[in-house]
Amino acid sequence: MDVSRLGQNVSPSYTEFLLLPFPGVTLYRQVLIVPFLFSYVLIMVLNSLISYTVWRERSLHAPMYVLISLLLSMNLLSTSTVLPQMLPSFFGQTRIPLSRCLTQMFFAYSALIFKSLVFVLMAFDRFVAICHPLRYHNIINQKSLLQLWTIGLVRNVVLVSLLVFLASRVQYCKSNRILNFVCEYMVLLNLACGDVSRAQLVGLLVRTGVTFSDLSIILIFYLRVLHTALKITGGGKRHKALQTCGTHVLVALTVYSCGLLASILYKVEESISPDSQNLSNVIYFLFPAVVNPITYGLGVKEIKDCLVKPWRKKCLSNTWGPPAGVSRGPMVTSIEY
């Protein structure tokens, strides 16, 4: 596909753009910084807290928890790529060169596609753990996970680099106003000259291809897990297996549902306002980053126990600790925290 000729005779070709998120909001526009700044701080704190807890606790160094930590790290990357550039725009027009716009696109899309890869690896981990428990350590190990991660890394880098390359070869002459808070591939192409239908088709194929292929693999793994879990005679073991997988499925469905909503709104963009498109992108980029750490922090018992352990120790120490200058008695020293 040669998109280098698209609009080659049209001038001028903009190399700098203006980010204008929520253009329909004019009155008290600066107030919008409050919820987005609060969301950014909340995302940074929650995702960092869970990731640090997994890194700190040796009992959480199993593959499943490492993958959870990796997923939350992608939340940090995606939001840190988008929000710091977005927040100043509420106080005026934020200028962004095309090179920085494409860089933002690369890292934001990479983080989103890596999340999908992590969901696949999570499903594979639970599939092996529940359906083939005796072979778990032979199948799920550092070497195998590294190989799978490398394959996914190559796939993701190739696909995202393709989109960035196509976007960089297009001339933009319709406008330099991006009515969004992020340099989305489709948003940029709407500003391009000439026929960009083939470039748009590539973007659509990449987005839907990654989503449906990864989602199909995830569903196959979890259906096998459900089939095996229902055969487990012990009610407690069955409940634990289904609860752990249920948390993963809930998080995955949240991310894929937000992505599907954003894709649908892109298809009907002519019939909706730019503010509605911005809202769909907020849901796509920010909502999962807030919900995911809360879901894992409350839904995975091992992580929740490690999160509350320092506070539990502090409370027990304050309750049972002797006053200053008084030595601990036998009853106190016998308590196990």
C-alpha atoms as a PDB file:
ATOM      1  CA  MET A   1       0.000   0.000   0.000  1.00  0.00           C
ATOM      2  CA  ASP A   2       1.423   3.377  -0.967  1.00  0.00           C
ATOM      3  CA  VAL A   3      -0.038   6.168   1.078  1.00  0.00           C
ATOM      4  CA  SER A   4       2.842   8.515   0.435  1.00  0.00           C
ATOM      5  CA  ARG A   5       0.953   9.968  -2.542  1.00  0.00           C
ATOM      6  CA  LEU A   6      -2.179  10.757  -0.616  1.00  0.00           C
ATOM      7  CA  GLY A   7      -2.801  14.437  -1.023  1.00  0.00           C
ATOM      8  CA  GLN A   8       0.712  15.117  -2.333  1.00  0.00           C
ATOM      9  CA  ASN A   9      -0.439  18.099  -4.407  1.00  0.00           C
ATOM     10  CA  VAL A  10      -2.396  19.721  -1.601  1.00  0.00           C
ATOM     11  CA  SER A  11      -0.929  22.409   0.599  1.00  0.00           C
ATOM     12  CA  PRO A  12      -0.310  23.380   3.254  1.00  0.00           C
ATOM     13  CA  SER A  13       0.643  20.201   5.073  1.00  0.00           C
ATOM     14  CA  TYR A  14       0.392  20.786   8.815  1.00  0.00           C
ATOM     15  CA  THR A  15       3.239  19.543  10.981  1.00  0.00           C
ATOM     16  CA  GLU A  16       1.843  20.934  14.219  1.00  0.00           C
ATOM     17  CA  PHE A  17      -1.588  20.383  15.721  1.00  0.00           C
ATOM     18  CA  LEU A  18      -3.809  21.852  18.407  1.00  0.00           C
ATOM     19  CA  LEU A  19      -5.288  19.475  20.962  1.00  0.00           C
ATOM     20  CA  LEU A  20      -8.839  20.597  21.801  1.00  0.00           C
ATOM     21  CA  PRO A  21     -10.511  18.041  24.090  1.00  0.00           C
ATOM     22  CA  PHE A  22     -14.225  18.534  24.771  1.00  0.00           C
ATOM     23  CA  PRO A  23     -14.576  21.492  22.377  1.00  0.00           C
ATOM     24  CA  GLY A  24     -18.248  21.869  23.225  1.00  0.00           C
ATOM     25  CA  VAL A  25     -17.436  22.852  26.806  1.00  0.00           C
ATOM     26  CA  THR A  26     -16.718  26.588  26.844  1.00  0.00           C
ATOM     27  CA  LEU A  27     -18.173  27.799  30.150  1.00  0.00           C
ATOM     28  CA  TYR A  28     -15.951  27.065  33.164  1.00  0.00           C
ATOM     29  CA  ARG A  29     -13.749  24.933  30.942  1.00  0.00           C
ATOM     30  CA  GLN A  30     -10.884  25.075  33.464  1.00  0.00           C
ATOM     31  CA  VAL A  31     -13.023  23.175  35.975  1.00  0.00           C
ATOM     32  CA  LEU A  32     -12.604  20.029  33.849  1.00  0.00           C
ATOM     33  CA  ILE A  33      -9.028  19.727  35.060  1.00  0.00           C
ATOM     34  CA  VAL A  34     -10.266  18.746  38.532  1.00  0.00           C
ATOM     35  CA  PRO A  35     -11.840  15.331  37.698  1.00  0.00           C
ATOM     36  CA  PHE A  36      -9.090  14.439  35.229  1.00  0.00           C
ATOM     37  CA  LEU A  37      -6.275  15.407  37.579  1.00  0.00           C
ATOM     38  CA  PHE A  38      -7.978  13.476  40.378  1.00  0.00           C
ATOM     39  CA  SER A  39      -8.369  10.462  38.064  1.00  0.00           C
ATOM     40  CA  TYR A  40      -4.702  10.633  37.099  1.00  0.00           C
ATOM     41  CA  VAL A  41      -3.548  10.730  40.721  1.00  0.00           C
ATOM     42  CA  LEU A  42      -5.942   7.902  41.605  1.00  0.00           C
ATOM     43  CA  ILE A  43      -4.694   5.769  38.699  1.00  0.00           C
ATOM     44  CA  MET A  44      -1.052   6.353  39.617  1.00  0.00           C
ATOM     45  CA  VAL A  45      -1.603   5.554  43.297  1.00  0.00           C
ATOM     46  CA  LEU A  46      -3.796   2.458  42.893  1.00  0.00           C
ATOM     47  CA  ASN A  47      -1.832   0.811  40.096  1.00  0.00           C
ATOM     48  CA  SER A  48       1.526   1.605  41.699  1.00  0.00           C
ATOM     49  CA  LEU A  49       0.342   0.285  45.064  1.00  0.00           C
ATOM     50  CA  ILE A  50      -0.724  -3.099  43.684  1.00  0.00           C
ATOM     51  CA  SER A  51       2.404  -3.394  41.512  1.00  0.00           C
ATOM     52  CA  TYR A  52       4.662  -2.524  44.444  1.00  0.00           C
ATOM     53  CA  THR A  53       2.845  -5.030  46.668  1.00  0.00           C
ATOM     54  CA  VAL A  54       3.439  -7.811  44.121  1.00  0.00           C
ATOM     55  CA  TRP A  55       7.103  -6.810  43.828  1.00  0.00           C
ATOM     56  CA  ARG A  56       7.584  -6.597  47.620  1.00  0.00           C
ATOM     57  CA  GLU A  57       5.892  -9.827  48.703  1.00  0.00           C
ATOM     58  CA  ARG A  58       7.760 -13.023  47.852  1.00  0.00           C
ATOM     59  CA  SER A  59       4.510 -14.997  48.118  1.00  0.00           C
ATOM     60  CA  LEU A  60       3.189 -13.022  45.116  1.00  0.00           C
ATOM     61  CA  HIS A  61       6.068 -13.821  42.769  1.00  0.00           C
ATOM     62  CA  ALA A  62       4.044 -16.538  41.032  1.00  0.00           C
ATOM     63  CA  PRO A  63       3.358 -16.009  37.302  1.00  0.00           C
ATOM     64  CA  MET A  64      -0.289 -15.044  37.811  1.00  0.00           C
ATOM     65  CA  TYR A  65       0.538 -12.139  40.130  1.00  0.00           C
ATOM     66  CA  VAL A  66       3.482 -11.029  38.006  1.00  0.00           C
ATOM     67  CA  LEU A  67       1.112 -10.806  35.031  1.00  0.00           C
ATOM     68  CA  ILE A  68      -1.312  -8.736  37.112  1.00  0.00           C
ATOM     69  CA  SER A  69       1.525  -6.384  38.004  1.00  0.00           C
ATOM     70  CA  LEU A  70       2.487  -6.164  34.323  1.00  0.00           C
ATOM     71  CA  LEU A  71      -1.098  -5.319  33.367  1.00  0.00           C
ATOM     72  CA  LEU A  72      -1.219  -2.511  35.922  1.00  0.00           C
ATOM     73  CA  SER A  73       2.119  -1.212  34.643  1.00  0.00           C
ATOM     74  CA  MET A  74       0.529  -0.900  31.211  1.00  0.00           C
ATOM     75  CA  ASN A  75      -2.215   1.185  32.835  1.00  0.00           C
ATOM     76  CA  LEU A  76       0.470   3.534  34.146  1.00  0.00           C
ATOM     77  CA  LEU A  77       2.094   3.763  30.718  1.00  0.00           C
ATOM     78  CA  SER A  78      -1.105   4.443  28.779  1.00  0.00           C
ATOM     79  CA  THR A  79      -2.409   7.139  31.133  1.00  0.00           C
ATOM     80  CA  SER A  80       1.006   8.792  31.563  1.00  0.00           C
ATOM     81  CA  THR A  81       1.274   8.993  27.781  1.00  0.00           C
ATOM     82  CA  VAL A  82      -2.075  10.740  27.412  1.00  0.00           C
ATOM     83  CA  LEU A  83      -3.059  12.759  30.487  1.00  0.00           C
ATOM     84  CA  PRO A  84       0.014  15.011  31.037  1.00  0.00           C
ATOM     85  CA  GLN A  85      -0.436  16.286  27.484  1.00  0.00           C
ATOM     86  CA  MET A  86      -4.174  16.678  27.955  1.00  0.00           C
ATOM     87  CA  LEU A  87      -4.388  18.602  31.243  1.00  0.00           C
ATOM     88  CA  PRO A  88      -2.790  21.897  30.049  1.00  0.00           C
ATOM     89  CA  SER A  89      -5.258  22.035  27.154  1.00  0.00           C
ATOM     90  CA  PHE A  90      -8.047  23.053  29.547  1.00  0.00           C
ATOM     91  CA  PHE A  91      -6.263  26.386  30.071  1.00  0.00           C
ATOM     92  CA  GLY A  92      -5.702  27.069  26.395  1.00  0.00           C
ATOM     93  CA  GLN A  93      -4.727  25.546  23.107  1.00  0.00           C
ATOM     94  CA  THR A  94      -2.025  22.900  23.480  1.00  0.00           C
ATOM     95  CA  ARG A  95       0.297  22.690  20.492  1.00  0.00           C
ATOM     96  CA  ILE A  96       1.757  19.306  19.684  1.00  0.00           C
ATOM     97  CA  PRO A  97       4.172  18.605  16.792  1.00  0.00           C
ATOM     98  CA  LEU A  98       3.387  15.739  14.470  1.00  0.00           C
ATOM     99  CA  SER A  99       6.453  13.833  15.698  1.00  0.00           C
ATOM    100  CA  ARG A 100       5.281  14.005  19.319  1.00  0.00           C
ATOM    101  CA  CYS A 101       1.758  13.145  18.228  1.00  0.00           C
ATOM    102  CA  LEU A 102       3.004   9.992  16.513  1.00  0.00           C
ATOM    103  CA  THR A 103       5.153   9.133  19.548  1.00  0.00           C
ATOM    104  CA  GLN A 104       2.116   9.446  21.789  1.00  0.00           C
ATOM    105  CA  MET A 105       0.161   7.231  19.409  1.00  0.00           C
ATOM    106  CA  PHE A 106       2.904   4.589  19.454  1.00  0.00           C
ATOM    107  CA  PHE A 107       3.149   4.306  23.244  1.00  0.00           C
ATOM    108  CA  ALA A 108      -0.605   4.612  23.893  1.00  0.00           C
ATOM    109  CA  TYR A 109      -1.462   1.936  21.326  1.00  0.00           C
ATOM    110  CA  SER A 110       1.420  -0.269  22.469  1.00  0.00           C
ATOM    111  CA  ALA A 111       0.168  -0.190  26.053  1.00  0.00           C
ATOM    112  CA  LEU A 112      -3.396  -1.029  24.987  1.00  0.00           C
ATOM    113  CA  ILE A 113      -2.330  -3.944  22.779  1.00  0.00           C
ATOM    114  CA  PHE A 114       0.051  -5.224  25.454  1.00  0.00           C
ATOM    115  CA  LYS A 115      -2.905  -5.335  27.852  1.00  0.00           C
ATOM    116  CA  SER A 116      -4.646  -7.670  25.435  1.00  0.00           C
ATOM    117  CA  LEU A 117      -1.526  -9.854  25.316  1.00  0.00           C
ATOM    118  CA  VAL A 118      -1.399  -9.987  29.128  1.00  0.00           C
ATOM    119  CA  PHE A 119      -5.035 -11.128  29.232  1.00  0.00           C
ATOM    120  CA  VAL A 120      -4.160 -13.986  26.859  1.00  0.00           C
ATOM    121  CA  LEU A 121      -1.219 -15.028  29.058  1.00  0.00           C
ATOM    122  CA  MET A 122      -3.427 -14.834  32.170  1.00  0.00           C
ATOM    123  CA  ALA A 123      -6.012 -17.094  30.558  1.00  0.00           C
ATOM    124  CA  PHE A 124      -3.288 -19.533  29.497  1.00  0.00           C
ATOM    125  CA  ASP A 125      -1.853 -19.552  33.034  1.00  0.00           C
ATOM    126  CA  ARG A 126      -5.244 -20.341  34.604  1.00  0.00           C
ATOM    127  CA  PHE A 127      -5.964 -22.955  31.937  1.00  0.00           C
ATOM    128  CA  VAL A 128      -2.770 -24.853  32.721  1.00  0.00           C
ATOM    129  CA  ALA A 129      -3.152 -24.398  36.501  1.00  0.00           C
ATOM    130  CA  ILE A 130      -6.692 -25.819  36.603  1.00  0.00           C
ATOM    131  CA  CYS A 131      -6.795 -28.211  33.645  1.00  0.00           C
ATOM    132  CA  HIS A 132      -3.224 -29.550  33.900  1.00  0.00           C
ATOM    133  CA  PRO A 133      -2.113 -28.872  37.492  1.00  0.00           C
ATOM    134  CA  LEU A 134       0.496 -31.653  37.621  1.00  0.00           C
ATOM    135  CA  ARG A 135       2.282 -30.224  34.576  1.00  0.00           C
ATOM    136  CA  TYR A 136       1.959 -26.587  35.609  1.00  0.00           C
ATOM    137  CA  HIS A 137       5.606 -25.973  36.530  1.00  0.00           C
ATOM    138  CA  ASN A 138       6.794 -27.767  33.402  1.00  0.00           C
ATOM    139  CA  ILE A 139       4.625 -25.645  31.123  1.00  0.00           C
ATOM    140  CA  ILE A 140       4.495 -22.306  32.964  1.00  0.00           C
ATOM    141  CA  ASN A 141       8.023 -21.247  33.733  1.00  0.00           C
ATOM    142  CA  GLN A 142      10.287 -18.297  33.129  1.00  0.00           C
ATOM    143  CA  LYS A 143      11.497 -19.600  29.772  1.00  0.00           C
ATOM    144  CA  SER A 144       8.041 -20.344  28.325  1.00  0.00           C
ATOM    145  CA  LEU A 145       6.574 -17.031  29.493  1.00  0.00           C
ATOM    146  CA  LEU A 146       9.543 -15.186  28.025  1.00  0.00           C
ATOM    147  CA  GLN A 147       9.044 -16.933  24.680  1.00  0.00           C
ATOM    148  CA  LEU A 148       5.328 -16.117  24.616  1.00  0.00           C
ATOM    149  CA  TRP A 149       6.008 -12.545  25.650  1.00  0.00           C
ATOM    150  CA  THR A 150       8.626 -12.164  22.910  1.00  0.00           C
ATOM    151  CA  ILE A 151       6.201 -13.420  20.261  1.00  0.00           C
ATOM    152  CA  GLY A 152       3.556 -10.991  21.483  1.00  0.00           C
ATOM    153  CA  LEU A 153       6.123  -8.196  21.657  1.00  0.00           C
ATOM    154  CA  VAL A 154       7.089  -8.679  18.018  1.00  0.00           C
ATOM    155  CA  ARG A 155       3.431  -8.771  16.957  1.00  0.00           C
ATOM    156  CA  ASN A 156       2.552  -5.629  18.860  1.00  0.00           C
ATOM    157  CA  VAL A 157       5.563  -3.602  17.754  1.00  0.00           C
ATOM    158  CA  VAL A 158       5.010  -4.547  14.099  1.00  0.00           C
ATOM    159  CA  LEU A 159       1.311  -3.638  14.150  1.00  0.00           C
ATOM    160  CA  VAL A 160       1.709  -0.360  16.023  1.00  0.00           C
ATOM    161  CA  SER A 161       4.731   0.638  13.939  1.00  0.00           C
ATOM    162  CA  LEU A 162       2.672   0.010  10.797  1.00  0.00           C
ATOM    163  CA  LEU A 163      -0.020   2.424  11.970  1.00  0.00           C
ATOM    164  CA  VAL A 164       2.517   5.059  12.948  1.00  0.00           C
ATOM    165  CA  PHE A 165       4.284   4.682   9.598  1.00  0.00           C
ATOM    166  CA  LEU A 166       1.049   5.084   7.628  1.00  0.00           C
ATOM    167  CA  ALA A 167       0.056   8.121   9.685  1.00  0.00           C
ATOM    168  CA  SER A 168       3.469   9.697   9.126  1.00  0.00           C
ATOM    169  CA  ARG A 169       3.236   9.309   5.330  1.00  0.00           C
ATOM    170  CA  VAL A 170      -0.047  11.197   5.056  1.00  0.00           C
ATOM    171  CA  GLN A 171      -0.299  14.926   4.414  1.00  0.00           C
ATOM    172  CA  TYR A 172      -2.653  16.869   6.674  1.00  0.00           C
ATOM    173  CA  CYS A 173      -4.278  19.888   5.079  1.00  0.00           C
ATOM    174  CA  LYS A 174      -7.942  19.825   6.114  1.00  0.00           C
ATOM    175  CA  SER A 175      -7.265  21.204   9.572  1.00  0.00           C
ATOM    176  CA  ASN A 176      -4.709  21.190  12.366  1.00  0.00           C
ATOM    177  CA  ARG A 177      -7.326  21.080  15.151  1.00  0.00           C
ATOM    178  CA  ILE A 178      -7.595  17.688  16.865  1.00  0.00           C
ATOM    179  CA  LEU A 179     -10.948  17.706  18.636  1.00  0.00           C
ATOM    180  CA  ASN A 180      -9.774  15.074  21.068  1.00  0.00           C
ATOM    181  CA  PHE A 181      -7.385  14.669  23.980  1.00  0.00           C
ATOM    182  CA  VAL A 182      -5.254  11.983  22.339  1.00  0.00           C
ATOM    183  CA  CYS A 183      -3.651  11.540  18.918  1.00  0.00           C
ATOM    184  CA  GLU A 184      -5.824   8.664  17.747  1.00  0.00           C
ATOM    185  CA  TYR A 185      -5.029   7.077  14.407  1.00  0.00           C
ATOM    186  CA  MET A 186      -8.525   7.525  12.993  1.00  0.00           C
ATOM    187  CA  VAL A 187      -8.787  11.071  14.337  1.00  0.00           C
ATOM    188  CA  LEU A 188      -5.584  12.054  12.548  1.00  0.00           C
ATOM    189  CA  LEU A 189      -6.653  10.457   9.270  1.00  0.00           C
ATOM    190  CA  ASN A 190      -9.831  12.527   9.333  1.00  0.00           C
ATOM    191  CA  LEU A 191      -7.592  15.587   8.967  1.00  0.00           C
ATOM    192  CA  ALA A 192      -5.684  14.143   5.999  1.00  0.00           C
ATOM    193  CA  CYS A 193      -5.912  15.151   2.358  1.00  0.00           C
ATOM    194  CA  GLY A 194      -7.058  12.886  -0.437  1.00  0.00           C
ATOM    195  CA  ASP A 195      -8.335   9.336  -0.215  1.00  0.00           C
ATOM    196  CA  VAL A 196      -7.243   7.644   3.016  1.00  0.00           C
ATOM    197  CA  SER A 197      -9.756   4.797   2.884  1.00  0.00           C
ATOM    198  CA  ARG A 198      -7.043   2.153   2.548  1.00  0.00           C
ATOM    199  CA  ALA A 199      -5.118   3.540   5.512  1.00  0.00           C
ATOM    200  CA  GLN A 200      -8.355   3.610   7.537  1.00  0.00           C
ATOM    201  CA  LEU A 201      -9.040   0.013   6.529  1.00  0.00           C
ATOM    202  CA  VAL A 202      -5.620  -1.024   7.833  1.00  0.00           C
ATOM    203  CA  GLY A 203      -6.354   0.669  11.166  1.00  0.00           C
ATOM    204  CA  LEU A 204      -9.725  -1.046  11.394  1.00  0.00           C
ATOM    205  CA  LEU A 205      -8.208  -4.444  10.568  1.00  0.00           C
ATOM    206  CA  VAL A 206      -5.463  -4.032  13.160  1.00  0.00           C
ATOM    207  CA  ARG A 207      -7.895  -3.004  15.878  1.00  0.00           C
ATOM    208  CA  THR A 208     -10.541  -5.628  15.187  1.00  0.00           C
ATOM    209  CA  GLY A 209      -7.978  -8.321  14.339  1.00  0.00           C
ATOM    210  CA  VAL A 210      -6.131  -8.000  17.642  1.00  0.00           C
ATOM    211  CA  THR A 211      -9.350  -7.746  19.635  1.00  0.00           C
ATOM    212  CA  PHE A 212     -11.189 -10.704  18.121  1.00  0.00           C
ATOM    213  CA  SER A 213      -8.165 -13.004  17.871  1.00  0.00           C
ATOM    214  CA  ASP A 214      -7.098 -12.421  21.475  1.00  0.00           C
ATOM    215  CA  LEU A 215     -10.659 -12.488  22.774  1.00  0.00           C
ATOM    216  CA  SER A 216     -11.342 -15.787  20.967  1.00  0.00           C
ATOM    217  CA  ILE A 217      -8.259 -17.385  22.536  1.00  0.00           C
ATOM    218  CA  ILE A 218      -9.255 -16.095  25.971  1.00  0.00           C
ATOM    219  CA  LEU A 219     -12.802 -17.461  25.644  1.00  0.00           C
ATOM    220  CA  ILE A 220     -11.516 -20.880  24.544  1.00  0.00           C
ATOM    221  CA  PHE A 221      -9.182 -21.101  27.540  1.00  0.00           C
ATOM    222  CA  TYR A 222     -11.816 -20.036  30.071  1.00  0.00           C
ATOM    223  CA  LEU A 223     -14.481 -22.330  28.623  1.00  0.00           C
ATOM    224  CA  ARG A 224     -12.043 -25.217  29.122  1.00  0.00           C
ATOM    225  CA  VAL A 225     -11.396 -23.959  32.642  1.00  0.00           C
ATOM    226  CA  LEU A 226     -15.136 -23.785  33.387  1.00  0.00           C
ATOM    227  CA  HIS A 227     -15.646 -27.292  32.017  1.00  0.00           C
ATOM    228  CA  THR A 228     -12.859 -28.667  34.225  1.00  0.00           C
ATOM    229  CA  ALA A 229     -13.872 -26.666  37.319  1.00  0.00           C
ATOM    230  CA  LEU A 230     -17.417 -28.031  37.203  1.00  0.00           C
ATOM    231  CA  LYS A 231     -15.953 -31.535  37.442  1.00  0.00           C
ATOM    232  CA  ILE A 232     -14.086 -30.754  40.662  1.00  0.00           C
ATOM    233  CA  THR A 233     -15.802 -32.568  43.527  1.00  0.00           C
ATOM    234  CA  GLY A 234     -14.513 -30.361  46.333  1.00  0.00           C
ATOM    235  CA  GLY A 235     -16.793 -27.351  46.664  1.00  0.00           C
ATOM    236  CA  GLY A 236     -14.069 -25.186  48.197  1.00  0.00           C
ATOM    237  CA  LYS A 237     -11.550 -25.919  45.445  1.00  0.00           C
ATOM    238  CA  ARG A 238     -14.157 -25.348  42.748  1.00  0.00           C
ATOM    239  CA  HIS A 239     -15.186 -22.036  44.305  1.00  0.00           C
ATOM    240  CA  LYS A 240     -11.568 -20.834  44.524  1.00  0.00           C
ATOM    241  CA  ALA A 241     -10.877 -21.791  40.911  1.00  0.00           C
ATOM    242  CA  LEU A 242     -13.987 -20.037  39.622  1.00  0.00           C
ATOM    243  CA  GLN A 243     -13.434 -16.976  41.834  1.00  0.00           C
ATOM    244  CA  THR A 244      -9.874 -16.436  40.586  1.00  0.00           C
ATOM    245  CA  CYS A 245     -10.868 -16.844  36.939  1.00  0.00           C
ATOM    246  CA  GLY A 246     -13.969 -14.721  37.484  1.00  0.00           C
ATOM    247  CA  THR A 247     -11.803 -11.774  38.526  1.00  0.00           C
ATOM    248  CA  HIS A 248      -9.682 -12.088  35.366  1.00  0.00           C
ATOM    249  CA  VAL A 249     -12.760 -12.380  33.159  1.00  0.00           C
ATOM    250  CA  LEU A 250     -14.360  -9.319  34.775  1.00  0.00           C
ATOM    251  CA  VAL A 251     -11.272  -7.189  34.172  1.00  0.00           C
ATOM    252  CA  ALA A 252     -10.889  -8.438  30.588  1.00  0.00           C
ATOM    253  CA  LEU A 253     -14.549  -7.793  29.786  1.00  0.00           C
ATOM    254  CA  THR A 254     -14.240  -4.249  31.173  1.00  0.00           C
ATOM    255  CA  VAL A 255     -11.298  -3.452  28.891  1.00  0.00           C
ATOM    256  CA  TYR A 256     -12.733  -5.094  25.767  1.00  0.00           C
ATOM    257  CA  SER A 257     -16.186  -3.556  26.323  1.00  0.00           C
ATOM    258  CA  CYS A 258     -14.682  -0.071  26.565  1.00  0.00           C
ATOM    259  CA  GLY A 259     -12.709  -0.715  23.393  1.00  0.00           C
ATOM    260  CA  LEU A 260     -15.792  -1.986  21.585  1.00  0.00           C
ATOM    261  CA  LEU A 261     -17.757   1.097  22.626  1.00  0.00           C
ATOM    262  CA  ALA A 262     -15.022   3.387  21.300  1.00  0.00           C
ATOM    263  CA  SER A 263     -14.914   1.463  17.998  1.00  0.00           C
ATOM    264  CA  ILE A 264     -18.692   1.710  17.534  1.00  0.00           C
ATOM    265  CA  LEU A 265     -18.652   5.448  18.155  1.00  0.00           C
ATOM    266  CA  TYR A 266     -15.871   5.877  15.590  1.00  0.00           C
ATOM    267  CA  LYS A 267     -18.060   4.174  12.982  1.00  0.00           C
ATOM    268  CA  VAL A 268     -20.920   6.595  13.643  1.00  0.00           C
ATOM    269  CA  GLU A 269     -18.735   9.645  14.268  1.00  0.00           C
ATOM    270  CA  GLU A 270     -20.687  11.800  11.832  1.00  0.00           C
ATOM    271  CA  SER A 271     -23.852  11.445  13.871  1.00  0.00           C
ATOM    272  CA  ILE A 272     -22.345  12.165  17.298  1.00  0.00           C
ATOM    273  CA  SER A 273     -20.645  15.196  18.755  1.00  0.00           C
ATOM    274  CA  PRO A 274     -16.886  15.492  19.352  1.00  0.00           C
ATOM    275  CA  ASP A 275     -17.614  15.625  23.086  1.00  0.00           C
ATOM    276  CA  SER A 276     -19.246  12.195  22.874  1.00  0.00           C
ATOM    277  CA  GLN A 277     -16.171  10.857  21.088  1.00  0.00           C
ATOM    278  CA  ASN A 278     -13.990  12.355  23.807  1.00  0.00           C
ATOM    279  CA  LEU A 279     -16.128  10.711  26.457  1.00  0.00           C
ATOM    280  CA  SER A 280     -15.793   7.329  24.754  1.00  0.00           C
ATOM    281  CA  ASN A 281     -12.004   7.746  24.718  1.00  0.00           C
ATOM    282  CA  VAL A 282     -12.038   8.673  28.401  1.00  0.00           C
ATOM    283  CA  ILE A 283     -13.908   5.441  29.106  1.00  0.00           C
ATOM    284  CA  TYR A 284     -11.483   3.506  26.890  1.00  0.00           C
ATOM    285  CA  PHE A 285      -8.229   4.937  28.288  1.00  0.00           C
ATOM    286  CA  LEU A 286      -9.066   5.829  31.894  1.00  0.00           C
ATOM    287  CA  PHE A 287     -11.981   3.766  33.190  1.00  0.00           C
ATOM    288  CA  PRO A 288     -10.202   0.354  33.075  1.00  0.00           C
ATOM    289  CA  ALA A 289      -7.080   1.908  34.623  1.00  0.00           C
ATOM    290  CA  VAL A 290      -9.179   2.912  37.654  1.00  0.00           C
ATOM    291  CA  VAL A 291     -11.284  -0.244  37.892  1.00  0.00           C
ATOM    292  CA  ASN A 292      -8.553  -2.869  37.312  1.00  0.00           C
ATOM    293  CA  PRO A 293      -6.476  -2.301  40.473  1.00  0.00           C
ATOM    294  CA  ILE A 294      -9.625  -2.058  42.595  1.00  0.00           C
ATOM    295  CA  THR A 295     -10.923  -5.322  41.144  1.00  0.00           C
ATOM    296  CA  TYR A 296      -7.662  -7.166  41.756  1.00  0.00           C
ATOM    297  CA  GLY A 297      -7.103  -5.555  45.155  1.00  0.00           C
ATOM    298  CA  LEU A 298     -10.522  -6.668  46.392  1.00  0.00           C
ATOM    299  CA  GLY A 299     -11.112  -9.770  44.255  1.00  0.00           C
ATOM    300  CA  VAL A 300      -7.834 -11.660  44.646  1.00  0.00           C
ATOM    301  CA  LYS A 301      -7.548 -12.829  48.248  1.00  0.00           C
ATOM    302  CA  GLU A 302      -3.759 -13.185  48.238  1.00  0.00           C
ATOM    303  CA  ILE A 303      -3.244  -9.612  47.033  1.00  0.00           C
ATOM    304  CA  LYS A 304      -5.851  -8.242  49.427  1.00  0.00           C
ATOM    305  CA  ASP A 305      -4.221 -10.028  52.374  1.00  0.00           C
ATOM    306  CA  CYS A 306      -0.820  -8.582  51.464  1.00  0.00           C
ATOM    307  CA  LEU A 307      -2.319  -5.107  51.122  1.00  0.00           C
ATOM    308  CA  VAL A 308      -3.927  -5.136  54.572  1.00  0.00           C
ATOM    309  CA  LYS A 309      -1.118  -7.035  56.328  1.00  0.00           C
ATOM    310  CA  PRO A 310       0.925  -3.931  57.263  1.00  0.00           C
ATOM    311  CA  TRP A 311      -2.186  -2.202  58.607  1.00  0.00           C
ATOM    312  CA  ARG A 312      -3.242  -5.329  60.485  1.00  0.00           C
ATOM    313  CA  LYS A 313       0.185  -5.533  62.118  1.00  0.00           C
ATOM    314  CA  LYS A 314       0.000  -1.863  63.050  1.00  0.00           C
ATOM    315  CA  CYS A 315      -3.468  -2.263  64.552  1.00  0.00           C
ATOM    316  CA  LEU A 316      -2.428  -5.364  66.515  1.00  0.00           C
ATOM    317  CA  SER A 317       0.685  -3.572  67.735  1.00  0.00           C
ATOM    318  CA  ASN A 318      -1.378  -0.602  68.914  1.00  0.00           C
ATOM    319  CA  THR A 319      -3.916  -2.889  70.578  1.00  0.00           C
ATOM    320  CA  TRP A 320      -1.648  -5.406  72.267  1.00  0.00           C
ATOM    321  CA  GLY A 321       1.627  -3.491  72.585  1.00  0.00           C
ATOM    322  CA  PRO A 322       2.691  -2.591  76.152  1.00  0.00           C
ATOM    323  CA  PRO A 323       2.949   1.017  77.283  1.00  0.00           C
ATOM    324  CA  ALA A 324       6.278   2.773  76.930  1.00  0.00           C
ATOM    325  CA  GLY A 325       8.863   1.505  79.408  1.00  0.00           C
ATOM    326  CA  VAL A 326       6.946  -1.707  80.141  1.00  0.00           C
ATOM    327  CA  SER A 327       8.432  -4.996  78.962  1.00  0.00           C
ATOM    328  CA  ARG A 328       6.309  -7.394  76.956  1.00  0.00           C
ATOM    329  CA  GLY A 329       4.802 -10.210  78.898  1.00  0.00           C
ATOM    330  CA  PRO A 330       4.548 -13.860  77.797  1.00  0.00           C
ATOM    331  CA  MET A 331       0.993 -13.378  76.512  1.00  0.00           C
ATOM    332  CA  VAL A 332       2.057 -10.643  74.145  1.00  0.00           C
ATOM    333  CA  THR A 333       5.127 -12.414  72.806  1.00  0.00           C
ATOM    334  CA  SER A 334       3.088 -15.519  72.056  1.00  0.00           C
ATOM    335  CA  ILE A 335       0.813 -13.738  69.625  1.00  0.00           C
ATOM    336  CA  GLU A 336       1.412 -14.650  65.969  1.00  0.00           C
ATOM    337  CA  TYR A 337       0.728 -11.921  63.509  1.00  0.00           C
END
